[in-house]
Amino acid sequence: MLLIITIMNDEIKDQTKNYLMPVSIIFSTLLLAGVWVYSIGKGEIQRTQQADVAGSFEKTANTIMEEKVVPAAGVVLPIRWGDLGTQLVSTGVIDREKFESIYANRGGLSENERRLLRATDNGAVTITSQNAGVLLNLFWALGLSAKNEILEKGEMADPRYGGAENFASTGGWTIANGDPMDHYSAHTFFLLTPKQQKLVDKVSRGIYRPCCGNSVHFPDCNHGMAMLGFLELMASQGVSEQDMWNSALAVNSYWFPDTYLTIATYMEQKGIDWKNVNPKEVLGINYSSGQGFARIASQVELPEEHSGGNGCGVDAGGSVAPQPLPVVPKPSRGTQGGCGI
């Protein structure tokens, strides 16, 4: 009897041993598979985390650069706007209803922007990404209509180019009362001394814009005409030449944010921080003209596009895509090309 029990126990042990072996193999396989899956998962998590860190770093770097070039708080310009808005309206250079209707579909003008048109006691003006387009149009109206010999004797009046009325900066101004040429260099909003006029002439010849290849002295598009008006206003209020260059660069940066973020990146690669750049150099033909900027852009990775500034017409929106245009673009009135509406 004892022998039978012993034999049965030995058989049970053998069967149990034979049963446990496949179980242990299966368990080991599952364990190894789990480790493999965990390892892959951990690797994916690490790669995702690394990508997130890289993306966050890039975003932070872009934000830092933006704050240098187009700070969110804006840049205070060295001018007093006073009652110029009301003068532009009363003389018919700006039809206020037409002007305000442009922005009606964009949420309307802010209270501060509305004051620039309606108030008579405006002080200093701060340009921001939000109001850059409005200021572009106000300065455009001023540059077009303020009496100045640059408009009367400069390239705009050169008969080789077919007449001043054929440019985007004149034919494109469609929110005046009457014909825009009725207001061309027609209104005396301020008087420039010979010294101030000479300063405007000098600085205007050194400032370019990336939508074309001409200097502000040849204000054939809205950006050129607007900058001319801004320069005249600064000169009339006694702003120094250096401050004119500094302010012109700030204004151009808000009108063409992608352009100047790219130029700032290029300068940084050369070891020059944006605050240390020479505004006269950056605003010159080698950097700020359409052709000059194309050369700079080909050497750096373009930053993420940003909204701001304005297009090349009074009702355009968004920032301008830099495009090298012919040296003398001459769109006809009311056309939908170049820098016209």
Protein backbone atom coordinates (compact mmCIF):
# COMPACT_ATOMS: atom_id res chain seq x y z
CA MET A 1 0.00 0.00 0.00
CA LEU A 2 2.81 2.38 0.90
CA LEU A 3 4.56 1.51 -2.34
CA ILE A 4 1.44 2.38 -4.42
CA ILE A 5 1.08 5.77 -2.72
CA THR A 6 4.76 6.53 -3.25
CA ILE A 7 4.48 5.68 -6.96
CA MET A 8 1.34 7.83 -7.30
CA ASN A 9 3.08 10.79 -5.63
CA ASP A 10 6.01 10.45 -7.99
CA GLU A 11 3.65 10.45 -10.97
CA ILE A 12 1.80 13.54 -9.69
CA LYS A 13 5.13 15.33 -9.23
CA ASP A 14 6.20 14.46 -12.74
CA GLN A 15 2.86 15.65 -14.18
CA THR A 16 3.01 18.86 -12.16
CA LYS A 17 6.59 19.43 -13.32
CA ASN A 18 5.60 18.82 -16.93
CA TYR A 19 2.64 21.23 -16.59
CA LEU A 20 4.60 23.97 -14.88
CA MET A 21 7.34 24.05 -17.52
CA PRO A 22 5.13 25.42 -20.35
CA VAL A 23 3.52 27.85 -17.92
CA SER A 24 6.92 29.16 -16.90
CA ILE A 25 7.92 29.49 -20.54
CA ILE A 26 4.75 31.43 -21.34
CA PHE A 27 5.22 33.63 -18.27
CA SER A 28 8.83 34.36 -19.21
CA THR A 29 7.82 35.21 -22.76
CA LEU A 30 5.13 37.60 -21.54
CA LEU A 31 7.56 39.17 -19.11
CA LEU A 32 10.15 39.74 -21.86
CA ALA A 33 7.46 41.11 -24.17
CA GLY A 34 6.35 43.49 -21.47
CA VAL A 35 9.89 44.72 -20.99
CA TRP A 36 10.24 45.19 -24.77
CA VAL A 37 6.96 47.10 -25.04
CA TYR A 38 7.89 49.21 -22.02
CA SER A 39 11.26 50.00 -23.55
CA ILE A 40 9.70 51.05 -26.84
CA GLY A 41 7.06 53.09 -25.04
CA LYS A 42 9.67 54.74 -22.90
CA GLY A 43 11.70 55.56 -26.00
CA GLU A 44 8.66 57.13 -27.67
CA ILE A 45 7.92 59.15 -24.55
CA GLN A 46 11.51 60.34 -24.45
CA ARG A 47 11.43 61.32 -28.12
CA THR A 48 8.12 63.11 -27.62
CA GLN A 49 9.49 64.93 -24.61
CA GLN A 50 12.61 65.89 -26.53
CA ALA A 51 10.47 67.21 -29.41
CA ASP A 52 8.32 69.15 -26.95
CA VAL A 53 11.41 70.67 -25.34
CA ALA A 54 12.83 71.60 -28.76
CA GLY A 55 9.52 73.12 -29.83
CA SER A 56 9.22 75.02 -26.58
CA PHE A 57 12.78 76.29 -26.93
CA GLU A 58 12.12 77.43 -30.51
CA LYS A 59 8.91 79.15 -29.46
CA THR A 60 10.70 80.89 -26.60
CA ALA A 61 13.50 82.00 -28.91
CA ASN A 62 10.97 83.39 -31.40
CA THR A 63 9.13 85.23 -28.63
CA ILE A 64 12.36 86.77 -27.38
CA MET A 65 13.21 87.92 -30.89
CA GLU A 66 9.73 89.36 -31.37
CA GLU A 67 10.04 91.38 -28.18
CA LYS A 68 13.26 92.85 -29.51
CA VAL A 69 11.93 93.76 -32.94
CA VAL A 70 8.18 94.32 -32.48
CA PRO A 71 7.56 94.48 -28.72
CA ALA A 72 4.00 93.71 -27.69
CA ALA A 73 3.77 96.91 -25.65
CA GLY A 74 4.63 98.93 -28.73
CA VAL A 75 7.09 101.74 -29.37
CA VAL A 76 6.38 105.36 -28.48
CA LEU A 77 7.03 107.55 -31.49
CA PRO A 78 8.62 111.00 -30.99
CA ILE A 79 5.67 112.91 -32.43
CA ARG A 80 2.55 114.68 -31.24
CA TRP A 81 -0.42 113.97 -33.46
CA GLY A 82 -2.46 116.90 -32.15
CA ASP A 83 -5.35 117.75 -34.49
CA LEU A 84 -3.86 116.38 -37.69
CA GLY A 85 -6.62 113.79 -37.99
CA THR A 86 -9.33 116.42 -37.94
CA GLN A 87 -7.37 118.51 -40.44
CA LEU A 88 -7.04 115.56 -42.82
CA VAL A 89 -10.80 115.04 -42.54
CA SER A 90 -11.77 118.72 -42.88
CA THR A 91 -9.64 119.18 -45.99
CA GLY A 92 -11.14 116.08 -47.59
CA VAL A 93 -7.93 114.11 -47.73
CA ILE A 94 -9.73 111.50 -45.64
CA ASP A 95 -13.42 110.75 -45.94
CA ARG A 96 -13.99 109.70 -42.37
CA GLU A 97 -16.96 107.50 -43.16
CA LYS A 98 -15.00 105.63 -45.82
CA PHE A 99 -12.00 105.35 -43.51
CA GLU A 100 -13.98 103.92 -40.63
CA SER A 101 -15.92 101.54 -42.89
CA ILE A 102 -12.64 99.85 -43.83
CA TYR A 103 -12.28 98.64 -40.25
CA ALA A 104 -15.96 97.96 -39.57
CA ASN A 105 -15.61 94.32 -40.63
CA ARG A 106 -12.56 93.91 -38.42
CA GLY A 107 -14.25 94.85 -35.19
CA GLY A 108 -14.09 98.59 -35.73
CA LEU A 109 -11.53 101.15 -34.63
CA SER A 110 -10.44 101.22 -31.00
CA GLU A 111 -11.18 104.29 -28.95
CA ASN A 112 -7.57 105.48 -29.23
CA GLU A 113 -7.59 104.96 -33.01
CA ARG A 114 -10.86 106.83 -33.33
CA ARG A 115 -9.39 109.74 -31.37
CA LEU A 116 -6.62 110.06 -33.94
CA LEU A 117 -9.34 110.96 -36.47
CA ARG A 118 -11.68 112.95 -34.27
CA ALA A 119 -9.78 114.56 -31.39
CA THR A 120 -7.75 117.78 -31.48
CA ASP A 121 -5.54 117.19 -28.47
CA ASN A 122 -3.75 113.93 -29.31
CA GLY A 123 -0.34 113.58 -27.69
CA ALA A 124 2.39 111.05 -28.37
CA VAL A 125 1.57 108.06 -30.58
CA THR A 126 2.50 104.48 -29.74
CA ILE A 127 2.75 102.04 -32.64
CA THR A 128 1.81 98.42 -31.94
CA SER A 129 1.07 95.33 -34.00
CA GLN A 130 -2.62 96.11 -33.54
CA ASN A 131 -2.65 99.71 -34.79
CA ALA A 132 0.19 99.57 -37.32
CA GLY A 133 -2.24 99.36 -40.24
CA VAL A 134 -4.28 102.34 -39.04
CA LEU A 135 -1.15 104.44 -38.62
CA LEU A 136 0.03 103.35 -42.06
CA ASN A 137 -3.13 104.79 -43.60
CA LEU A 138 -3.02 107.99 -41.54
CA PHE A 139 0.63 108.62 -42.40
CA TRP A 140 -0.14 107.77 -46.03
CA ALA A 141 -2.81 110.46 -46.12
CA LEU A 142 -0.40 112.93 -44.53
CA GLY A 143 2.47 112.14 -46.90
CA LEU A 144 0.23 112.36 -49.95
CA SER A 145 -1.33 115.68 -49.08
CA ALA A 146 1.26 117.67 -47.13
CA LYS A 147 2.88 120.25 -49.37
CA ASN A 148 6.48 119.27 -50.04
CA GLU A 149 9.02 119.80 -52.77
CA ILE A 150 9.93 116.10 -52.78
CA LEU A 151 6.52 115.41 -54.31
CA GLU A 152 6.66 118.41 -56.61
CA LYS A 153 10.25 118.14 -57.86
CA GLY A 154 11.36 114.60 -57.07
CA GLU A 155 11.00 111.31 -58.91
CA MET A 156 7.21 111.27 -58.56
CA ALA A 157 7.02 114.33 -60.82
CA ASP A 158 9.59 113.09 -63.34
CA PRO A 159 7.83 112.94 -66.75
CA ARG A 160 9.79 109.79 -67.61
CA TYR A 161 7.50 107.91 -65.24
CA GLY A 162 4.26 109.10 -66.78
CA GLY A 163 2.98 111.44 -64.08
CA ALA A 164 2.48 111.28 -60.35
CA GLU A 165 -1.13 110.15 -60.70
CA ASN A 166 -0.09 106.77 -62.07
CA PHE A 167 1.42 105.32 -58.92
CA ALA A 168 -0.14 103.14 -56.24
CA SER A 169 0.50 105.79 -53.59
CA THR A 170 -1.71 108.26 -55.46
CA GLY A 171 -4.21 106.29 -57.53
CA GLY A 172 -4.49 103.81 -54.69
CA TRP A 173 -5.77 106.40 -52.21
CA THR A 174 -9.50 105.82 -52.73
CA ILE A 175 -10.87 107.16 -49.46
CA ALA A 176 -10.54 110.88 -50.14
CA ASN A 177 -13.27 113.30 -51.03
CA GLY A 178 -12.85 113.79 -54.76
CA ASP A 179 -9.85 112.86 -56.83
CA PRO A 180 -6.76 111.97 -54.74
CA MET A 181 -4.62 114.16 -57.00
CA ASP A 182 -6.69 117.14 -55.88
CA HIS A 183 -4.91 116.71 -52.55
CA TYR A 184 -1.44 115.87 -53.85
CA SER A 185 1.06 118.17 -52.09
CA ALA A 186 -1.82 120.58 -51.67
CA HIS A 187 -2.19 121.26 -47.94
CA THR A 188 0.04 123.14 -45.51
CA PHE A 189 -0.34 121.23 -42.27
CA PHE A 190 3.08 122.44 -41.08
CA LEU A 191 5.95 124.51 -42.42
CA LEU A 192 9.42 123.04 -42.65
CA THR A 193 12.45 125.26 -42.32
CA PRO A 194 15.14 124.89 -45.01
CA LYS A 195 17.18 122.88 -42.50
CA GLN A 196 14.25 120.59 -41.71
CA GLN A 197 13.49 120.10 -45.40
CA LYS A 198 17.10 119.20 -46.06
CA LEU A 199 16.94 116.65 -43.26
CA VAL A 200 13.78 115.05 -44.67
CA ASP A 201 15.41 114.93 -48.09
CA LYS A 202 18.52 113.25 -46.69
CA VAL A 203 16.80 110.66 -44.53
CA SER A 204 14.15 109.84 -47.14
CA ARG A 205 16.87 108.90 -49.63
CA GLY A 206 18.27 106.32 -47.21
CA ILE A 207 15.08 104.47 -46.25
CA TYR A 208 13.79 101.56 -48.33
CA ARG A 209 10.90 99.11 -47.95
CA PRO A 210 10.83 95.44 -48.95
CA CYS A 211 7.68 95.69 -51.08
CA CYS A 212 9.69 97.38 -53.84
CA GLY A 213 13.11 98.73 -54.74
CA ASN A 214 12.72 102.47 -54.28
CA SER A 215 13.65 104.79 -51.44
CA VAL A 216 11.16 106.96 -49.57
CA HIS A 217 12.33 109.87 -51.71
CA PHE A 218 10.42 108.08 -54.50
CA PRO A 219 7.21 107.24 -52.58
CA ASP A 220 5.49 105.28 -55.33
CA CYS A 221 3.67 102.91 -52.93
CA ASN A 222 1.69 103.48 -49.76
CA HIS A 223 4.53 102.49 -47.42
CA GLY A 224 6.88 104.99 -49.03
CA MET A 225 4.30 107.78 -48.96
CA ALA A 226 3.39 106.98 -45.36
CA MET A 227 7.03 107.05 -44.29
CA LEU A 228 7.52 110.37 -46.07
CA GLY A 229 4.63 111.84 -44.10
CA PHE A 230 6.08 110.45 -40.87
CA LEU A 231 9.51 111.93 -41.63
CA GLU A 232 8.01 115.34 -42.40
CA LEU A 233 6.02 115.29 -39.18
CA MET A 234 9.08 114.38 -37.11
CA ALA A 235 11.21 117.05 -38.76
CA SER A 236 8.51 119.71 -38.24
CA GLN A 237 8.55 118.94 -34.51
CA GLY A 238 12.32 119.16 -34.14
CA VAL A 239 13.17 115.46 -33.90
CA SER A 240 16.91 114.81 -34.32
CA GLU A 241 18.29 112.92 -37.30
CA GLN A 242 19.32 109.94 -35.17
CA ASP A 243 15.88 109.69 -33.61
CA MET A 244 14.36 109.86 -37.09
CA TRP A 245 16.43 106.85 -38.17
CA ASN A 246 15.59 104.96 -34.97
CA SER A 247 11.87 105.66 -35.25
CA ALA A 248 11.75 104.87 -38.96
CA LEU A 249 13.24 101.44 -38.25
CA ALA A 250 10.68 100.81 -35.50
CA VAL A 251 7.80 101.80 -37.79
CA ASN A 252 9.07 99.76 -40.73
CA SER A 253 9.42 96.78 -38.39
CA TYR A 254 5.74 96.91 -37.44
CA TRP A 255 4.73 97.38 -41.08
CA PHE A 256 6.93 94.49 -42.23
CA PRO A 257 7.36 92.25 -39.14
CA ASP A 258 8.48 89.12 -41.00
CA THR A 259 11.10 91.10 -42.89
CA TYR A 260 12.74 92.60 -39.84
CA LEU A 261 12.51 89.46 -37.73
CA THR A 262 14.45 87.78 -40.52
CA ILE A 263 16.98 90.60 -40.66
CA ALA A 264 17.31 90.48 -36.86
CA THR A 265 18.00 86.73 -37.08
CA TYR A 266 20.63 87.39 -39.72
CA MET A 267 22.26 90.04 -37.54
CA GLU A 268 22.21 87.74 -34.53
CA GLN A 269 24.02 85.09 -36.54
CA LYS A 270 26.69 87.72 -37.14
CA GLY A 271 26.88 88.36 -33.39
CA ILE A 272 24.97 91.67 -33.46
CA ASP A 273 22.03 92.08 -31.11
CA TRP A 274 19.05 93.95 -32.55
CA LYS A 275 19.41 96.81 -30.08
CA ASN A 276 22.92 97.41 -31.39
CA VAL A 277 22.18 97.48 -35.12
CA ASN A 278 22.77 100.64 -37.12
CA PRO A 279 19.28 101.80 -38.22
CA LYS A 280 20.69 103.71 -41.16
CA GLU A 281 22.41 100.56 -42.41
CA VAL A 282 19.41 98.26 -41.87
CA LEU A 283 17.01 100.69 -43.56
CA GLY A 284 19.31 101.00 -46.55
CA ILE A 285 19.12 99.34 -49.94
CA ASN A 286 21.24 96.32 -48.92
CA TYR A 287 18.77 95.19 -46.26
CA SER A 288 15.38 96.84 -46.63
CA SER A 289 14.79 97.03 -50.38
CA GLY A 290 13.01 94.15 -52.05
CA GLN A 291 16.22 93.05 -53.72
CA GLY A 292 18.38 93.52 -50.63
CA PHE A 293 16.02 91.65 -48.36
CA ALA A 294 15.77 88.74 -50.82
CA ARG A 295 19.53 88.33 -50.52
CA ILE A 296 19.39 88.41 -46.71
CA ALA A 297 16.44 86.01 -46.55
CA SER A 298 18.29 83.47 -48.68
CA GLN A 299 20.91 83.19 -45.95
CA VAL A 300 18.68 82.53 -42.95
CA GLU A 301 15.73 80.35 -42.08
CA LEU A 302 12.63 82.48 -42.29
CA PRO A 303 10.81 82.97 -38.96
CA GLU A 304 7.20 82.03 -38.43
CA GLU A 305 4.89 84.46 -40.19
CA HIS A 306 3.27 87.11 -38.06
CA SER A 307 0.28 89.32 -38.59
CA GLY A 308 0.71 93.04 -38.32
CA GLY A 309 1.26 96.10 -40.36
CA ASN A 310 -0.85 96.29 -43.48
CA GLY A 311 -1.02 95.27 -47.09
CA CYS A 312 -0.38 97.58 -49.99
CA GLY A 313 -3.89 99.02 -50.20
CA VAL A 314 -6.03 101.02 -47.80
CA ASP A 315 -8.34 98.03 -47.27
CA ALA A 316 -5.68 95.34 -47.14
CA GLY A 317 -5.02 93.33 -44.02
CA GLY A 318 -2.17 91.28 -42.61
CA SER A 319 1.54 91.71 -43.04
CA VAL A 320 3.24 92.18 -46.34
CA ALA A 321 4.98 89.32 -48.08
CA PRO A 322 8.26 90.81 -49.31
CA GLN A 323 8.38 90.72 -53.07
CA PRO A 324 11.10 92.31 -55.18
CA LEU A 325 9.20 94.48 -57.65
CA PRO A 326 10.41 96.51 -60.61
CA VAL A 327 12.27 99.65 -59.61
CA VAL A 328 9.45 101.78 -60.97
CA PRO A 329 6.11 100.01 -60.44
CA LYS A 330 3.32 102.01 -62.08
CA PRO A 331 -0.07 100.41 -61.44
CA SER A 332 -3.01 102.29 -62.88
CA ARG A 333 -5.78 103.65 -60.71
CA GLY A 334 -8.04 101.09 -59.15
CA THR A 335 -5.99 98.10 -60.26
CA GLN A 336 -5.66 94.97 -58.19
CA GLY A 337 -1.95 94.49 -58.54
CA GLY A 338 1.38 95.61 -57.14
CA CYS A 339 0.80 98.01 -54.29
CA GLY A 340 -2.66 99.14 -55.35
CA ILE A 341 -5.97 98.07 -53.88
